Amino acid sequence: MKICYLLLLSVISFVSVCQTESAPSQTIQPITKKFMKGNLYFSWGYTRCWYSKSDIHFVDHSNKYHPATGRYNDYDFTIYNAKAVDRPDFDAIKDVVNITIPQFVVHAGYYFNNKKDLGIEISYDHAKYVVNNYQKVHIKGNFNGNYVDQDTILDPNNLVHFEHTDGANFWMINLLKRWKLYEPSKNFNAGFVVKPGAGIVYPRTDVTMFGERLNNNWHLAGWIVGIEAGFRAEFLKHGVFEFTGKGVYADYRKCLVLGKGNGSANHHFFATQLTMTLGVMF
């Protein structure tokens, strides 16, 4: 009896193998279709930025002696409605070695489905923020026990110069929603994309305080929230192009001034961006 069972199982196994080998398209293809979902993409590009005015608060109660200026730093003051600009440095793009000097952006994303209409994206914007020198501002606070409340000229040599030029550095995680508006063939489609998101700011702040300058280390300084929207085209199966506008609110809660333990600054601002990227999709 056991021998009969063994023979029967052997016959069933043999028939099954034969059927699988004779009709691979009926078994493998549906499984492949079922599990091969989504696409990865990577893109690189450049951006321009425009910033709102900002109140910048500087504080250092360490009372440390600074040989470079010959003074003890004990201050707590705010510069009101400071104007700032970006620094695109697009002339460096032609130099391949220095392609990261301009205001570049990097996007890495993943579509959740084969429709390519919903996904998630990590974005890094190497934006630059530079407070204008010699502008007229209102300043209020204490300098080594002396109280000041007046308009003044922002002199970088005697007062302060402040910038995030090795990056204001916006790191964000975005939800991506896309609508195809034009698809003449399988090799090209174009449409509208929206990307709301949030993340952190990780600047390298370059500060000159009372004539002493330090380009600080990169530092986790605060948070950012925003939304990006615009035109997106996908071509030749693997190409990706975007031209978008972006609006963000960035809150720098603690920027380094003259190194760790030698003062800090905080400020927040709104920013708008225009960005163009080109990438590849897998």
Protein backbone atom coordinates (compact mmCIF):
# COMPACT_ATOMS: atom_id res chain seq x y z
CA MET A 1 0.00 0.00 0.00
CA LYS A 2 2.82 2.38 0.89
CA ILE A 3 4.44 1.59 -2.45
CA CYS A 4 1.23 2.60 -4.27
CA TYR A 5 1.13 5.92 -2.44
CA LEU A 6 4.75 6.62 -3.31
CA LEU A 7 4.14 5.82 -6.98
CA LEU A 8 1.11 8.10 -7.04
CA LEU A 9 3.02 11.01 -5.50
CA SER A 10 5.84 10.51 -7.97
CA VAL A 11 3.45 10.65 -10.94
CA ILE A 12 1.76 13.83 -9.62
CA SER A 13 5.13 15.52 -9.06
CA PHE A 14 6.32 14.58 -12.55
CA VAL A 15 3.14 15.90 -14.21
CA SER A 16 3.39 19.16 -12.27
CA VAL A 17 7.00 19.71 -13.33
CA CYS A 18 6.14 18.98 -16.95
CA GLN A 19 3.26 21.47 -16.91
CA THR A 20 5.46 24.18 -15.37
CA GLU A 21 8.22 23.70 -17.93
CA SER A 22 5.81 23.55 -20.87
CA ALA A 23 3.94 26.78 -19.94
CA PRO A 24 6.25 29.22 -18.13
CA SER A 25 4.35 32.24 -19.39
CA GLN A 26 1.24 31.16 -17.49
CA THR A 27 2.92 30.93 -14.07
CA ILE A 28 5.95 33.23 -13.92
CA GLN A 29 4.55 36.26 -15.75
CA PRO A 30 1.54 36.89 -13.47
CA ILE A 31 3.73 36.61 -10.37
CA THR A 32 6.21 39.08 -11.87
CA LYS A 33 3.42 41.53 -12.68
CA LYS A 34 2.00 41.19 -9.22
CA PHE A 35 5.18 41.96 -7.29
CA MET A 36 7.10 44.36 -9.57
CA LYS A 37 5.55 47.61 -8.34
CA GLY A 38 6.98 51.10 -7.99
CA ASN A 39 10.08 52.90 -9.30
CA LEU A 40 13.08 54.59 -7.77
CA TYR A 41 14.37 57.89 -9.15
CA PHE A 42 17.29 60.21 -8.53
CA SER A 43 17.66 63.80 -9.77
CA TRP A 44 20.11 66.69 -9.54
CA GLY A 45 19.64 70.37 -10.28
CA TYR A 46 20.00 73.98 -9.17
CA THR A 47 17.83 76.57 -7.42
CA ARG A 48 17.32 80.28 -6.79
CA CYS A 49 16.01 81.55 -3.43
CA TRP A 50 14.29 84.67 -2.12
CA TYR A 51 13.97 85.34 1.62
CA SER A 52 11.68 87.35 3.84
CA LYS A 53 13.10 89.80 6.37
CA SER A 54 14.23 88.22 9.62
CA ASP A 55 14.83 89.20 13.26
CA ILE A 56 18.17 87.70 14.33
CA HIS A 57 18.82 87.26 18.04
CA PHE A 58 22.44 86.89 19.23
CA VAL A 59 23.34 85.86 22.78
CA ASP A 60 26.56 84.97 24.60
CA HIS A 61 26.81 85.21 28.39
CA SER A 62 30.05 83.21 28.64
CA ASN A 63 32.10 86.39 29.26
CA LYS A 64 35.07 84.68 27.60
CA TYR A 65 38.09 86.68 26.56
CA HIS A 66 38.72 86.81 22.79
CA PRO A 67 42.34 87.69 21.90
CA ALA A 68 41.36 88.50 18.29
CA THR A 69 39.28 91.48 19.47
CA GLY A 70 40.77 92.10 22.90
CA ARG A 71 37.34 92.00 24.57
CA TYR A 72 35.17 89.84 26.79
CA ASN A 73 31.98 88.79 25.05
CA ASP A 74 28.82 89.29 27.10
CA TYR A 75 25.95 90.29 24.85
CA ASP A 76 22.25 89.71 24.25
CA PHE A 77 20.81 91.70 21.33
CA THR A 78 18.44 91.45 18.36
CA ILE A 79 18.76 92.86 14.86
CA TYR A 80 15.27 93.57 13.48
CA ASN A 81 14.03 93.14 9.89
CA ALA A 82 17.38 92.14 8.47
CA LYS A 83 17.40 91.67 4.70
CA ALA A 84 19.16 88.68 3.17
CA VAL A 85 19.82 87.30 -0.32
CA ASP A 86 20.93 84.02 -1.81
CA ARG A 87 24.28 83.37 -3.50
CA PRO A 88 23.65 81.13 -6.53
CA ASP A 89 27.27 80.94 -7.81
CA PHE A 90 26.02 79.52 -11.11
CA ASP A 91 29.26 80.49 -12.84
CA ALA A 92 30.88 77.49 -11.12
CA ILE A 93 28.58 74.96 -12.85
CA LYS A 94 30.86 74.78 -15.89
CA ASP A 95 33.67 73.57 -13.62
CA VAL A 96 32.80 69.89 -13.13
CA VAL A 97 35.04 69.64 -10.06
CA ASN A 98 33.05 72.37 -8.32
CA ILE A 99 29.47 71.43 -9.24
CA THR A 100 28.52 71.45 -5.53
CA ILE A 101 29.56 75.10 -5.05
CA PRO A 102 26.38 76.57 -6.60
CA GLN A 103 22.97 76.26 -4.95
CA PHE A 104 22.34 72.65 -5.96
CA VAL A 105 19.49 70.32 -5.04
CA VAL A 106 19.28 66.53 -4.85
CA HIS A 107 16.09 64.45 -4.92
CA ALA A 108 15.74 60.72 -4.30
CA GLY A 109 12.26 59.24 -4.45
CA TYR A 110 10.14 56.13 -4.80
CA TYR A 111 6.78 55.63 -6.51
CA PHE A 112 4.48 53.33 -4.55
CA ASN A 113 2.76 51.94 -7.66
CA ASN A 114 3.11 51.43 -11.41
CA LYS A 115 0.80 54.35 -12.12
CA LYS A 116 3.57 56.64 -10.82
CA ASP A 117 1.07 58.98 -9.21
CA LEU A 118 1.95 58.64 -5.51
CA GLY A 119 5.29 58.36 -3.78
CA ILE A 120 7.76 59.57 -1.19
CA GLU A 121 10.85 61.71 -1.69
CA ILE A 122 13.90 62.84 0.26
CA SER A 123 15.18 66.25 -0.84
CA TYR A 124 18.30 68.23 0.00
CA ASP A 125 18.51 71.92 -0.97
CA HIS A 126 21.93 73.51 -0.65
CA ALA A 127 20.44 76.99 -0.36
CA LYS A 128 22.63 79.91 0.70
CA TYR A 129 21.54 82.74 2.99
CA VAL A 130 23.56 85.97 3.24
CA VAL A 131 22.58 88.98 5.37
CA ASN A 132 23.28 92.19 3.43
CA ASN A 133 26.17 94.22 4.78
CA TYR A 134 25.81 97.98 5.43
CA GLN A 135 22.02 97.92 5.50
CA LYS A 136 20.15 100.10 7.98
CA VAL A 137 18.60 98.02 10.77
CA HIS A 138 17.15 98.54 14.23
CA ILE A 139 19.13 96.94 17.04
CA LYS A 140 18.07 96.43 20.63
CA GLY A 141 19.83 94.74 23.54
CA ASN A 142 22.85 94.66 25.84
CA PHE A 143 26.55 94.82 25.00
CA ASN A 144 28.76 94.15 28.02
CA GLY A 145 26.27 95.89 30.30
CA ASN A 146 25.48 98.76 27.92
CA TYR A 147 21.87 98.88 26.73
CA VAL A 148 21.24 99.93 23.10
CA ASP A 149 17.93 100.66 21.33
CA GLN A 150 18.56 102.48 18.05
CA ASP A 151 18.92 102.34 14.27
CA THR A 152 22.37 101.50 13.01
CA ILE A 153 24.31 100.44 9.92
CA LEU A 154 25.19 96.75 9.82
CA ASP A 155 28.97 97.10 9.54
CA PRO A 156 30.66 93.68 9.16
CA ASN A 157 33.96 94.99 10.50
CA ASN A 158 32.74 96.52 13.77
CA LEU A 159 29.41 94.81 14.49
CA VAL A 160 28.32 91.59 12.80
CA HIS A 161 28.19 89.72 9.51
CA PHE A 162 25.97 86.61 9.31
CA GLU A 163 25.50 84.01 6.58
CA HIS A 164 24.74 80.34 5.89
CA THR A 165 26.81 79.97 2.71
CA ASP A 166 28.18 76.49 3.10
CA GLY A 167 24.53 75.78 3.20
CA ALA A 168 21.37 76.90 4.87
CA ASN A 169 20.81 73.22 4.01
CA PHE A 170 17.16 72.18 3.87
CA TRP A 171 16.69 68.43 4.46
CA MET A 172 13.07 67.34 3.89
CA ILE A 173 10.91 64.24 3.54
CA ASN A 174 8.07 64.87 1.10
CA LEU A 175 4.89 63.11 0.05
CA LEU A 176 4.65 63.18 -3.75
CA LYS A 177 1.35 63.36 -5.65
CA ARG A 178 1.37 63.49 -9.45
CA TRP A 179 -1.24 64.00 -12.17
CA LYS A 180 -0.48 63.04 -15.77
CA LEU A 181 -1.88 65.68 -18.12
CA TYR A 182 -0.31 64.63 -21.43
CA GLU A 183 0.86 61.18 -22.55
CA PRO A 184 1.22 60.83 -26.33
CA SER A 185 3.24 57.60 -26.07
CA LYS A 186 4.78 55.13 -23.66
CA ASN A 187 8.09 57.00 -23.97
CA PHE A 188 6.83 60.41 -22.84
CA ASN A 189 4.38 61.88 -20.37
CA ALA A 190 4.05 65.25 -18.66
CA GLY A 191 2.00 66.55 -15.80
CA PHE A 192 1.71 68.39 -12.52
CA VAL A 193 3.37 67.38 -9.26
CA VAL A 194 2.81 68.51 -5.64
CA LYS A 195 5.20 67.70 -2.77
CA PRO A 196 4.32 68.79 0.80
CA GLY A 197 6.96 67.96 3.39
CA ALA A 198 8.95 68.75 6.51
CA GLY A 199 12.42 68.17 7.90
CA ILE A 200 15.49 69.74 9.46
CA VAL A 201 17.93 72.57 8.75
CA TYR A 202 21.60 71.67 9.06
CA PRO A 203 23.59 74.84 8.28
CA ARG A 204 27.20 75.79 8.35
CA THR A 205 27.05 79.35 9.67
CA ASP A 206 29.79 81.84 8.81
CA VAL A 207 29.83 84.66 11.38
CA THR A 208 31.95 87.73 11.96
CA MET A 209 31.32 89.18 15.44
CA PHE A 210 33.03 92.46 16.43
CA GLY A 211 35.77 91.78 13.83
CA GLU A 212 36.38 88.11 14.71
CA ARG A 213 35.34 85.59 12.07
CA LEU A 214 34.60 81.86 12.21
CA ASN A 215 33.08 79.53 9.61
CA ASN A 216 31.46 77.13 12.07
CA ASN A 217 31.00 73.38 11.81
CA TRP A 218 27.81 71.98 10.33
CA HIS A 219 25.18 71.89 13.03
CA LEU A 220 21.60 70.70 13.50
CA ALA A 221 19.94 74.07 14.09
CA GLY A 222 16.19 73.69 13.68
CA TRP A 223 13.31 72.57 11.50
CA ILE A 224 11.59 73.38 8.22
CA VAL A 225 8.19 72.83 6.60
CA GLY A 226 7.04 73.61 3.08
CA ILE A 227 5.41 72.63 -0.19
CA GLU A 228 6.78 72.28 -3.72
CA ALA A 229 4.72 72.17 -6.92
CA GLY A 230 5.25 72.41 -10.66
CA PHE A 231 5.89 70.66 -13.96
CA ARG A 232 7.24 67.11 -14.21
CA ALA A 233 8.03 65.16 -17.38
CA GLU A 234 9.20 61.57 -17.77
CA PHE A 235 10.77 60.52 -21.06
CA LEU A 236 12.50 57.57 -22.77
CA LYS A 237 11.39 55.28 -19.90
CA HIS A 238 14.19 56.43 -17.57
CA GLY A 239 14.50 60.22 -17.89
CA VAL A 240 12.98 62.68 -15.38
CA PHE A 241 12.76 66.48 -15.66
CA GLU A 242 11.21 68.94 -13.19
CA PHE A 243 10.68 72.70 -13.06
CA THR A 244 9.06 73.66 -9.76
CA GLY A 245 8.37 76.43 -7.31
CA LYS A 246 8.73 75.92 -3.58
CA GLY A 247 7.68 77.79 -0.45
CA VAL A 248 9.12 77.03 2.99
CA TYR A 249 9.17 78.27 6.55
CA ALA A 250 12.52 77.66 8.27
CA ASP A 251 13.16 78.07 11.99
CA TYR A 252 16.85 78.18 12.99
CA ARG A 253 16.53 77.80 16.75
CA LYS A 254 20.24 77.56 17.57
CA CYS A 255 23.03 78.54 15.17
CA LEU A 256 26.67 78.60 16.25
CA VAL A 257 28.34 82.03 16.32
CA LEU A 258 32.03 81.71 17.26
CA GLY A 259 32.08 77.99 17.88
CA LYS A 260 30.38 75.81 20.45
CA GLY A 261 30.14 77.56 23.82
CA ASN A 262 30.88 80.98 22.31
CA GLY A 263 27.46 82.36 21.60
CA SER A 264 24.46 81.35 19.55
CA ALA A 265 21.96 82.95 17.21
CA ASN A 266 18.37 82.19 16.30
CA HIS A 267 16.08 83.45 13.57
CA HIS A 268 13.32 82.31 11.25
CA PHE A 269 12.17 83.28 7.78
CA PHE A 270 9.98 82.41 4.80
CA ALA A 271 11.65 81.50 1.52
CA THR A 272 10.54 80.90 -2.04
CA GLN A 273 12.53 78.91 -4.60
CA LEU A 274 12.60 78.15 -8.31
CA THR A 275 14.25 74.83 -9.05
CA MET A 276 15.17 72.87 -12.16
CA THR A 277 16.33 69.23 -11.99
CA LEU A 278 17.21 66.41 -14.36
CA GLY A 279 17.38 62.77 -13.30
CA VAL A 280 17.05 59.08 -13.95
CA MET A 281 14.37 56.55 -12.96
CA PHE A 282 14.85 52.82 -12.42
